[in-house]
Structure formats: structure tokens, C-alpha cells
Amino acid sequence: MSEGGTVGVVLVSHSKEVAAAVAALATGLAGGRAAPVAPAGGTPDGGLGTSSELIAEAAASVDEGAGVAVLVDLGSAVLTVKALLAEGDELPDATRLIDAPFLEGAVAAVVTASAGGDLDAVEAAASEAYGYRKV
């Protein structure tokens, strides 16, 4: 495990319910002491969309000093996170947008972070989920 704590994971979806469900699934599959995970879904009023405010709050809530991995569901969520990263002061240091499938990547990221993987290992595990074959 990193000296600064465990890598945190933020799951950004256009839907509050989807983000929460994926967070619950990933945390449950990690078993034991799961890494800190926070959903950031929908808009502040509960609608569909993404919110830079909710994303920043979620990232702050999971930051233990080892980095924050952010996984997103759809294109405009990518743009919202990229804008936050470009601003430079809205997200914790060492926050990284991870290119990975949302569900499978989230599970891989949370399991790897929970096992003590650093941010590079979490990113690699989540990105490898693109290669998971189902048939």
C-alpha cells in the first residue's frame, strides 16, 4: 500500500442510481476492507447529467493522499472531468481520469486499490478490463 493511504475511486455516471449501484457492486466484490469509493452521479437536483460540484465533492471524500482514480460512463462526463483537471484546484492532487469500461473497470479499480495497489496499478487493472471477453 502507498505510504499516503489507499487510492480512492470516484465513479461518474449520468445517473445517480447507476453510479451508486456500480459503487456498491465494486465495493462488495472487493471484500474485506474496500478502498474508499464515491459515486458522483447525475445533477444536484437528481436529474440526468454530470455535475462538476458532485465530482469534486466525491473526489475530496475518497482522497487519502495516494491518488484518486476517476472512471466515467459517457462522453460528456469525460469532458466534465477533463475541465476539472484543467482548472487544477478543484480536484485533489494526483487525481487521474482512467480510460476503462465503466462497470468492469470500476470493479478492477476498486479490487486493486483495496489490495493496496498504487495509482498506476489501479489504472492498469481498470484499463485491462477492455480485454475481458464474455464469450
Protein backbone atom coordinates (compact mmCIF):
# COMPACT_ATOMS: atom_id res chain seq x y z
CA MET A 1 0.00 0.00 0.00
CA SER A 2 1.13 3.52 -0.67
CA GLU A 3 2.51 5.48 2.30
CA GLY A 4 -0.22 8.08 1.78
CA GLY A 5 -3.11 5.67 2.28
CA THR A 6 -5.28 3.87 -0.22
CA VAL A 7 -6.12 5.03 -3.73
CA GLY A 8 -9.67 6.37 -3.82
CA VAL A 9 -12.09 5.72 -6.65
CA VAL A 10 -14.78 8.06 -7.98
CA LEU A 11 -17.47 6.72 -10.30
CA VAL A 12 -19.05 9.37 -12.51
CA SER A 13 -22.30 8.48 -14.24
CA HIS A 14 -25.08 10.50 -15.78
CA SER A 15 -27.39 8.68 -13.37
CA LYS A 16 -27.23 8.89 -9.58
CA GLU A 17 -28.68 5.39 -9.32
CA VAL A 18 -26.20 3.85 -11.78
CA ALA A 19 -23.20 5.43 -10.03
CA ALA A 20 -24.43 4.21 -6.63
CA ALA A 21 -25.16 0.69 -7.89
CA VAL A 22 -21.76 0.30 -9.56
CA ALA A 23 -20.07 1.61 -6.40
CA ALA A 24 -21.97 -0.90 -4.27
CA LEU A 25 -21.15 -3.78 -6.62
CA ALA A 26 -17.44 -2.92 -6.84
CA THR A 27 -17.17 -2.45 -3.07
CA GLY A 28 -18.98 -5.71 -2.41
CA LEU A 29 -16.76 -7.65 -4.79
CA ALA A 30 -13.61 -6.18 -3.25
CA GLY A 31 -14.41 -7.93 0.02
CA GLY A 32 -12.81 -7.15 3.34
CA ARG A 33 -11.75 -3.55 3.75
CA ALA A 34 -12.62 -1.94 0.46
CA ALA A 35 -10.84 1.12 -0.84
CA PRO A 36 -12.75 4.38 -0.49
CA VAL A 37 -15.28 4.68 -3.30
CA ALA A 38 -17.71 7.50 -4.02
CA PRO A 39 -20.41 7.74 -6.65
CA ALA A 40 -20.89 11.07 -8.40
CA GLY A 41 -23.98 10.58 -10.47
CA GLY A 42 -26.48 12.89 -12.02
CA THR A 43 -27.06 16.52 -11.26
CA PRO A 44 -27.51 18.13 -7.84
CA ASP A 45 -31.29 18.20 -8.35
CA GLY A 46 -31.36 14.45 -9.11
CA GLY A 47 -31.64 14.74 -12.87
CA LEU A 48 -29.61 13.04 -15.56
CA GLY A 49 -26.27 14.62 -16.36
CA THR A 50 -22.97 15.32 -14.66
CA SER A 51 -22.01 17.87 -12.06
CA SER A 52 -18.53 19.26 -11.52
CA GLU A 53 -19.58 20.09 -7.95
CA LEU A 54 -20.62 16.50 -7.17
CA ILE A 55 -17.46 15.13 -8.81
CA ALA A 56 -15.19 17.45 -6.80
CA GLU A 57 -17.01 16.58 -3.56
CA ALA A 58 -16.73 12.85 -4.28
CA ALA A 59 -13.02 13.13 -5.06
CA ALA A 60 -12.34 15.03 -1.85
CA SER A 61 -14.27 12.42 0.14
CA VAL A 62 -12.10 9.50 -1.06
CA ASP A 63 -8.73 11.25 -1.06
CA GLU A 64 -6.34 9.58 1.39
CA GLY A 65 -3.21 11.00 -0.23
CA ALA A 66 -2.43 8.06 -2.55
CA GLY A 67 -4.32 9.44 -5.53
CA VAL A 68 -7.83 9.36 -6.87
CA ALA A 69 -8.91 7.29 -9.88
CA VAL A 70 -11.93 8.68 -11.72
CA LEU A 71 -13.95 6.42 -14.02
CA VAL A 72 -16.76 7.79 -16.18
CA ASP A 73 -19.66 6.35 -18.14
CA LEU A 74 -20.24 8.56 -21.21
CA GLY A 75 -18.61 11.28 -23.28
CA SER A 76 -19.80 14.43 -21.56
CA ALA A 77 -18.68 13.01 -18.22
CA VAL A 78 -15.19 12.80 -19.73
CA LEU A 79 -15.40 16.47 -20.71
CA THR A 80 -16.55 17.49 -17.23
CA VAL A 81 -13.69 15.64 -15.53
CA LYS A 82 -11.14 16.97 -18.04
CA ALA A 83 -12.35 20.51 -17.36
CA LEU A 84 -11.94 19.97 -13.61
CA LEU A 85 -8.43 18.58 -14.12
CA ALA A 86 -7.52 21.56 -16.31
CA GLU A 87 -8.67 24.01 -13.63
CA GLY A 88 -6.11 22.43 -11.34
CA ASP A 89 -7.58 23.39 -7.98
CA GLU A 90 -10.95 21.62 -7.92
CA LEU A 91 -9.68 18.05 -7.53
CA PRO A 92 -7.12 16.55 -5.12
CA ASP A 93 -3.52 16.23 -6.27
CA ALA A 94 -2.84 13.00 -8.16
CA THR A 95 -6.39 12.73 -9.48
CA ARG A 96 -6.40 10.76 -12.71
CA LEU A 97 -9.08 10.18 -15.33
CA ILE A 98 -8.94 6.47 -16.14
CA ASP A 99 -9.75 5.16 -19.63
CA ALA A 100 -11.68 1.98 -18.83
CA PRO A 101 -15.11 0.41 -19.27
CA PHE A 102 -17.32 1.77 -16.52
CA LEU A 103 -18.58 -1.35 -14.75
CA GLU A 104 -15.74 -3.80 -15.33
CA GLY A 105 -13.14 -1.08 -14.89
CA ALA A 106 -14.72 0.05 -11.63
CA VAL A 107 -14.60 -3.45 -10.20
CA ALA A 108 -10.97 -3.91 -11.25
CA ALA A 109 -10.00 -0.48 -9.90
CA VAL A 110 -11.66 -0.99 -6.52
CA VAL A 111 -10.33 -4.52 -6.08
CA THR A 112 -6.79 -3.41 -6.98
CA ALA A 113 -6.93 -0.32 -4.75
CA SER A 114 -8.34 -2.44 -1.91
CA ALA A 115 -5.40 -4.83 -2.26
CA GLY A 116 -3.03 -1.89 -1.80
CA GLY A 117 -2.21 -1.12 -5.42
CA ASP A 118 -0.87 2.32 -6.21
CA LEU A 119 -2.50 4.66 -8.73
CA ASP A 120 -0.54 3.20 -11.66
CA ALA A 121 -1.62 -0.34 -10.73
CA VAL A 122 -5.24 0.77 -10.32
CA GLU A 123 -5.16 2.43 -13.74
CA ALA A 124 -3.58 -0.62 -15.37
CA ALA A 125 -6.12 -3.02 -13.84
CA ALA A 126 -9.07 -0.87 -14.83
CA SER A 127 -7.76 -0.35 -18.37
CA GLU A 128 -7.15 -4.07 -18.82
CA ALA A 129 -10.89 -4.56 -18.40
CA TYR A 130 -11.26 -3.56 -22.08
CA GLY A 131 -9.87 -7.01 -22.89
CA TYR A 132 -12.33 -9.03 -20.79
CA ARG A 133 -14.07 -11.47 -23.09
CA LYS A 134 -17.54 -12.75 -22.29
CA VAL A 135 -17.73 -15.46 -24.94
